Protein backbone atom coordinates (compact mmCIF):
# COMPACT_ATOMS: atom_id res chain seq x y z
CA MET A 1 -72.98 -81.96 -10.64
CA SER A 2 -70.79 -82.94 -13.59
CA VAL A 3 -69.15 -80.36 -15.84
CA VAL A 4 -68.52 -81.25 -19.47
CA GLU A 5 -66.26 -78.91 -21.44
CA LEU A 6 -66.76 -78.60 -25.20
CA ASP A 7 -64.10 -77.31 -27.57
CA SER A 8 -66.60 -76.30 -30.28
CA SER A 9 -70.29 -75.65 -30.79
CA PRO A 10 -72.30 -78.90 -31.16
CA LYS A 11 -73.60 -79.63 -34.67
CA LEU A 12 -77.35 -79.16 -34.67
CA GLY A 13 -78.17 -81.42 -37.62
CA PRO A 14 -77.24 -84.69 -35.87
CA LEU A 15 -78.77 -83.46 -32.61
CA PHE A 16 -82.14 -82.76 -34.22
CA GLY A 17 -81.94 -86.18 -35.90
CA ARG A 18 -81.42 -87.75 -32.51
CA ALA A 19 -84.33 -85.69 -31.16
CA VAL A 20 -86.64 -87.05 -33.88
CA LEU A 21 -85.61 -90.61 -32.99
CA GLY A 22 -86.45 -89.80 -29.39
CA MET A 23 -90.10 -89.46 -30.40
CA LEU A 24 -90.30 -93.13 -31.43
CA PRO A 25 -91.91 -95.62 -29.02
CA GLY A 26 -89.41 -97.11 -26.62
CA MET A 27 -86.74 -94.49 -27.37
CA SER A 28 -87.54 -92.06 -24.56
CA SER A 29 -85.71 -92.14 -21.25
CA ARG A 30 -87.09 -93.96 -18.24
CA ARG A 31 -85.59 -91.28 -16.01
CA ARG A 32 -87.91 -88.80 -14.39
CA GLU A 33 -85.34 -86.39 -13.05
CA LEU A 34 -83.31 -83.78 -14.88
CA PRO A 35 -79.62 -84.45 -15.53
CA ASP A 36 -77.17 -82.52 -13.35
CA THR A 37 -74.75 -81.94 -16.23
CA VAL A 38 -73.35 -78.47 -16.98
CA LEU A 39 -72.08 -77.94 -20.52
CA VAL A 40 -69.30 -75.37 -20.86
CA ARG A 41 -67.76 -73.88 -23.98
CA THR A 42 -64.80 -71.53 -23.48
CA ASP A 43 -63.06 -68.87 -25.59
CA VAL A 44 -66.20 -67.97 -27.52
CA ALA A 45 -65.93 -65.00 -29.87
CA VAL A 46 -68.70 -63.45 -31.96
CA ASP A 47 -68.53 -63.48 -35.74
CA PRO A 48 -69.34 -59.90 -36.88
CA ALA A 49 -70.89 -61.13 -40.15
CA HIS A 50 -73.20 -63.51 -38.28
CA LEU A 51 -74.19 -60.78 -35.83
CA ALA A 52 -75.03 -58.49 -38.76
CA LYS A 53 -77.30 -61.14 -40.30
CA TYR A 54 -79.03 -61.69 -36.96
CA ASN A 55 -79.57 -57.96 -36.50
CA GLU A 56 -81.06 -57.68 -39.98
CA VAL A 57 -83.51 -60.56 -39.47
CA CYS A 58 -84.62 -59.33 -36.03
CA GLY A 59 -84.72 -55.61 -36.75
CA PHE A 60 -81.76 -54.35 -34.70
CA ARG A 61 -79.37 -51.61 -35.74
CA LEU A 62 -75.82 -52.58 -36.71
CA THR A 63 -73.56 -51.83 -33.72
CA ASP A 64 -70.70 -53.49 -31.85
CA ALA A 65 -73.00 -54.22 -28.91
CA LEU A 66 -74.81 -57.54 -28.93
CA PRO A 67 -78.61 -57.41 -28.59
CA SER A 68 -79.55 -59.03 -25.31
CA THR A 69 -81.23 -61.88 -27.22
CA TYR A 70 -78.19 -62.70 -29.38
CA PRO A 71 -76.25 -64.84 -26.85
CA HIS A 72 -79.30 -67.10 -26.69
CA ILE A 73 -78.55 -68.44 -30.18
CA LEU A 74 -74.90 -69.02 -29.23
CA ALA A 75 -76.08 -71.10 -26.27
CA PHE A 76 -78.82 -72.83 -28.26
CA PRO A 77 -76.66 -75.73 -29.57
CA LEU A 78 -75.60 -76.53 -25.99
CA GLN A 79 -79.24 -76.43 -24.92
CA VAL A 80 -80.22 -78.85 -27.68
CA LYS A 81 -77.33 -81.17 -26.81
CA LEU A 82 -78.60 -81.44 -23.23
CA MET A 83 -82.26 -81.90 -24.17
CA SER A 84 -81.70 -84.36 -27.01
CA ASP A 85 -79.55 -86.71 -24.95
CA PRO A 86 -81.16 -90.16 -24.43
CA SER A 87 -80.89 -89.63 -20.67
CA PHE A 88 -83.13 -86.56 -20.80
CA PRO A 89 -86.58 -87.37 -19.36
CA PHE A 90 -88.62 -85.76 -22.17
CA PRO A 91 -88.43 -85.88 -25.98
CA LEU A 92 -87.12 -82.57 -27.28
CA MET A 93 -89.69 -82.33 -30.09
CA GLY A 94 -92.59 -82.46 -27.66
CA LEU A 95 -91.49 -79.46 -25.61
CA VAL A 96 -93.23 -76.06 -25.69
CA HIS A 97 -91.23 -72.87 -25.02
CA VAL A 98 -93.55 -70.95 -22.67
CA ALA A 99 -91.36 -68.21 -21.20
CA ASN A 100 -87.94 -66.59 -21.41
CA LYS A 101 -86.19 -64.20 -19.00
CA ILE A 102 -82.89 -62.53 -19.87
CA THR A 103 -80.82 -60.61 -17.34
CA GLN A 104 -78.07 -58.45 -18.86
CA ARG A 105 -75.78 -57.11 -16.15
CA ARG A 106 -73.58 -55.21 -18.57
CA PRO A 107 -73.42 -54.85 -22.37
CA ILE A 108 -71.51 -57.55 -24.25
CA THR A 109 -69.67 -56.39 -27.35
CA LEU A 110 -67.73 -57.79 -30.29
CA ALA A 111 -64.54 -57.10 -28.34
CA ASP A 112 -65.50 -59.61 -25.63
CA THR A 113 -64.53 -63.25 -25.49
CA PHE A 114 -66.39 -65.39 -23.00
CA SER A 115 -67.46 -68.78 -21.73
CA LEU A 116 -70.94 -70.22 -22.24
CA ARG A 117 -72.50 -72.38 -19.52
CA VAL A 118 -75.78 -74.29 -19.88
CA ARG A 119 -77.69 -76.44 -17.39
CA VAL A 120 -81.26 -77.57 -16.70
CA GLU A 121 -83.03 -77.25 -13.36
CA ASN A 122 -86.23 -76.73 -11.40
CA LEU A 123 -88.47 -79.54 -12.66
CA ARG A 124 -91.94 -78.79 -11.35
CA ASP A 125 -95.62 -79.43 -11.85
CA HIS A 126 -97.74 -77.48 -14.30
CA GLU A 127 -101.48 -77.66 -14.75
CA LYS A 128 -100.89 -79.14 -18.23
CA GLY A 129 -97.90 -81.34 -17.42
CA LYS A 130 -94.35 -80.68 -16.27
CA GLN A 131 -92.12 -77.67 -16.75
CA PHE A 132 -88.44 -76.95 -16.21
CA ASP A 133 -85.84 -74.25 -16.84
CA VAL A 134 -82.85 -74.21 -19.16
CA VAL A 135 -80.32 -71.76 -17.72
CA SER A 136 -77.63 -70.29 -19.99
CA GLU A 137 -74.87 -67.94 -18.86
CA VAL A 138 -72.21 -65.79 -20.46
CA VAL A 139 -69.09 -65.25 -18.35
CA PRO A 140 -66.68 -62.75 -19.99
CA ALA A 141 -62.98 -63.60 -19.94
CA GLY A 142 -61.31 -62.33 -16.78
CA GLU A 143 -64.60 -62.01 -14.89
CA ALA A 144 -65.90 -64.32 -12.18
CA GLU A 145 -69.64 -63.69 -12.50
CA PRO A 146 -71.95 -64.01 -15.50
CA ALA A 147 -72.70 -60.79 -17.35
CA TRP A 148 -75.74 -62.35 -19.01
CA VAL A 149 -78.20 -64.99 -17.80
CA ASP A 150 -81.00 -66.55 -19.86
CA VAL A 151 -83.75 -68.69 -18.32
CA SER A 152 -85.95 -70.48 -20.85
CA THR A 153 -88.96 -72.29 -19.40
CA TYR A 154 -90.25 -75.35 -21.27
CA LEU A 155 -93.46 -77.31 -20.84
CA ARG A 156 -93.90 -81.03 -21.42
CA ARG A 157 -97.62 -81.57 -21.88
CA GLY A 158 -99.47 -84.52 -20.38
CA GLY A 159 -100.32 -85.77 -16.92
CA GLY A 160 -100.67 -82.35 -15.37
CA SER A 161 -101.00 -82.19 -11.61
CA GLY A 162 -100.07 -78.62 -10.84
CA SER A 163 -102.04 -75.72 -9.46
CA ALA A 164 -105.04 -74.14 -11.13
CA LYS A 165 -104.63 -71.93 -14.14
CA SER A 166 -103.27 -68.48 -13.39
CA THR A 167 -105.82 -65.70 -13.16
CA LYS A 168 -103.29 -63.03 -14.05
CA GLU A 169 -105.02 -60.03 -15.55
CA GLN A 170 -104.46 -58.82 -19.05
CA LEU A 171 -101.77 -56.13 -18.97
CA ALA A 172 -103.32 -53.76 -21.47
CA GLN A 173 -106.13 -53.48 -23.94
CA PRO A 174 -105.18 -54.73 -27.42
CA THR A 175 -104.83 -51.26 -28.92
CA ALA A 176 -101.90 -51.36 -31.31
CA HIS A 177 -99.25 -48.64 -31.29
CA GLY A 178 -97.64 -50.31 -34.28
CA ILE A 179 -98.50 -53.01 -36.79
CA TRP A 180 -96.11 -55.85 -37.56
CA ARG A 181 -96.50 -57.41 -40.99
CA ILE A 182 -94.68 -60.70 -40.51
CA PRO A 183 -93.72 -62.49 -43.74
CA GLY A 184 -94.34 -66.17 -44.30
CA ASP A 185 -90.63 -66.95 -44.60
CA ILE A 186 -89.51 -65.40 -41.29
CA GLY A 187 -89.29 -68.86 -39.72
CA ARG A 188 -86.81 -70.02 -42.36
CA ARG A 189 -84.85 -66.76 -42.20
CA TYR A 190 -84.55 -66.90 -38.42
CA ALA A 191 -83.66 -70.59 -38.58
CA GLU A 192 -80.70 -69.75 -40.82
CA VAL A 193 -79.17 -67.37 -38.26
CA SER A 194 -80.27 -69.17 -35.08
CA GLY A 195 -79.78 -72.79 -36.08
CA ASP A 196 -83.28 -73.60 -34.81
CA HIS A 197 -84.66 -75.64 -37.74
CA ASN A 198 -87.58 -77.07 -35.81
CA PRO A 199 -90.02 -78.09 -38.58
CA ILE A 200 -92.94 -76.24 -36.96
CA HIS A 201 -91.27 -72.98 -38.04
CA LEU A 202 -90.27 -73.80 -41.61
CA TYR A 203 -93.16 -74.79 -43.87
CA ASN A 204 -96.91 -75.28 -43.56
CA ALA A 205 -96.59 -78.95 -44.50
CA THR A 206 -94.01 -79.69 -41.80
CA ALA A 207 -95.89 -77.65 -39.19
CA LYS A 208 -99.06 -79.67 -39.86
CA LEU A 209 -97.20 -82.84 -38.88
CA PHE A 210 -97.04 -81.41 -35.36
CA GLY A 211 -100.63 -80.16 -35.19
CA PHE A 212 -100.27 -76.58 -36.38
CA PRO A 213 -102.40 -75.31 -39.29
CA ARG A 214 -99.48 -73.26 -40.66
CA ALA A 215 -95.85 -72.61 -39.85
CA ILE A 216 -95.35 -70.51 -36.72
CA ALA A 217 -92.80 -67.82 -35.86
CA HIS A 218 -90.05 -68.61 -33.37
CA GLY A 219 -90.85 -67.24 -29.93
CA MET A 220 -87.33 -65.86 -29.60
CA TRP A 221 -87.72 -63.99 -32.89
CA THR A 222 -90.86 -62.26 -31.58
CA LYS A 223 -89.02 -61.38 -28.37
CA ALA A 224 -86.01 -60.03 -30.24
CA HIS A 225 -88.17 -57.99 -32.61
CA ALA A 226 -90.03 -56.54 -29.62
CA ILE A 227 -86.78 -55.52 -27.89
CA ALA A 228 -85.61 -53.89 -31.12
CA ALA A 229 -88.51 -51.46 -30.73
CA PHE A 230 -86.84 -50.12 -27.57
CA GLU A 231 -83.38 -49.47 -29.03
CA GLY A 232 -81.99 -46.23 -27.67
CA LYS A 233 -84.24 -46.44 -24.60
CA LEU A 234 -82.64 -49.39 -22.79
CA PRO A 235 -80.20 -49.06 -19.86
CA ASP A 236 -76.90 -50.94 -19.85
CA ALA A 237 -78.20 -53.35 -17.20
CA TYR A 238 -81.74 -54.67 -17.40
CA GLU A 239 -84.01 -57.69 -17.22
CA VAL A 240 -86.48 -58.55 -19.98
CA ASP A 241 -89.09 -61.15 -19.10
CA VAL A 242 -91.50 -62.58 -21.68
CA THR A 243 -94.35 -65.09 -21.66
CA PHE A 244 -95.18 -66.78 -24.96
CA LYS A 245 -98.91 -67.26 -25.41
CA VAL A 246 -100.77 -67.95 -28.68
CA PRO A 247 -98.38 -68.93 -31.55
CA VAL A 248 -97.94 -66.51 -34.45
CA LEU A 249 -99.23 -68.32 -37.56
CA LEU A 250 -97.31 -67.22 -40.66
CA PRO A 251 -97.76 -64.95 -42.50
CA ALA A 252 -99.24 -62.67 -39.86
CA LYS A 253 -100.44 -59.20 -39.06
CA ALA A 254 -99.89 -58.36 -35.41
CA GLY A 255 -100.43 -55.33 -33.21
CA PHE A 256 -97.62 -54.23 -30.90
CA THR A 257 -98.21 -51.99 -27.90
CA SER A 258 -95.96 -50.75 -25.08
CA TRP A 259 -96.25 -48.45 -22.10
CA PRO A 260 -94.01 -47.14 -19.30
CA THR A 261 -94.03 -48.71 -15.84
CA ALA A 262 -92.48 -47.75 -12.52
CA GLU A 263 -89.54 -50.07 -13.25
CA GLY A 264 -89.17 -49.60 -17.03
CA HIS A 265 -91.52 -50.75 -19.77
CA ALA A 266 -94.20 -53.33 -20.51
CA PHE A 267 -95.25 -54.57 -23.93
CA GLU A 268 -97.58 -56.97 -25.70
CA LEU A 269 -98.05 -58.44 -29.15
CA TRP A 270 -101.57 -59.24 -30.33
CA ASP A 271 -103.26 -60.77 -33.31
CA ALA A 272 -104.32 -57.67 -35.27
CA ARG A 273 -107.59 -59.25 -36.37
CA LYS A 274 -108.88 -60.58 -33.05
CA PRO A 275 -107.93 -59.96 -29.38
CA LYS A 276 -105.61 -62.95 -28.97
CA PRO A 277 -102.27 -62.30 -27.23
CA HIS A 278 -99.10 -63.72 -28.77
CA LEU A 279 -96.62 -62.39 -26.23
CA ALA A 280 -96.52 -60.31 -23.03
CA GLY A 281 -93.34 -58.90 -21.56
CA SER A 282 -91.67 -56.41 -19.28
CA ILE A 283 -88.33 -54.60 -19.12
CA ARG A 284 -86.89 -53.72 -15.74
CA LYS A 285 -83.75 -51.70 -15.01
CA ILE A 286 -81.37 -53.43 -12.60
């Protein structure tokens, strides 16, 4: 395993440009294994103004504590740098974000400085292709173990040889406890604070180039907005696990429902007009 230390956050513009080039014939890697590189960025501090903008877009209150989804956008440039490298076995633009699990072992605040670590692992079969995990960690200064771990699972479609489709039962009936009215520009607004300017999220015209009828919301925005509904109810240490299902076409009207479980909470987001699930998740105290 090779460790590469970065002295600043990678610039996303050139990385996305490289990712687009990776879609061209003959530009993809011949490798079929994941790189064993770990990217590390040290002495990271949070910009309070940026945190405030993120909280506003995602629906969080303004506090010194970071929402558990916020470190994901700090790690995102490192993730893109790994996945847009010519040695990576799959083109970045063809990947589908299918799941995300965040483990927060203690709150992270504006007073903390920390290191970010990002790696990829666990390449495996999927019924629709191949999937793998991008693991991101926050290690606060003076501490040996990560206080926050994010596992994003991505799918590369094509040539599937995995097991049969899961028969997991629906968690709850699509009876909304609240209605989300999601504006058409939320993709652009979230892109401004997250750096994720994937064209499928920005405009209808650019989304259509990738097979979507309209622009779609970022999966991590829907997860963040869902967690915001639990503010004041979350323990200091918890795990929040989400599966992304049907994309949210913008603008949208969606039904949100949640219920208590033995370990914490469960929640789902549904299309308000028809019983199609956008997201299913759970929160577990650790």
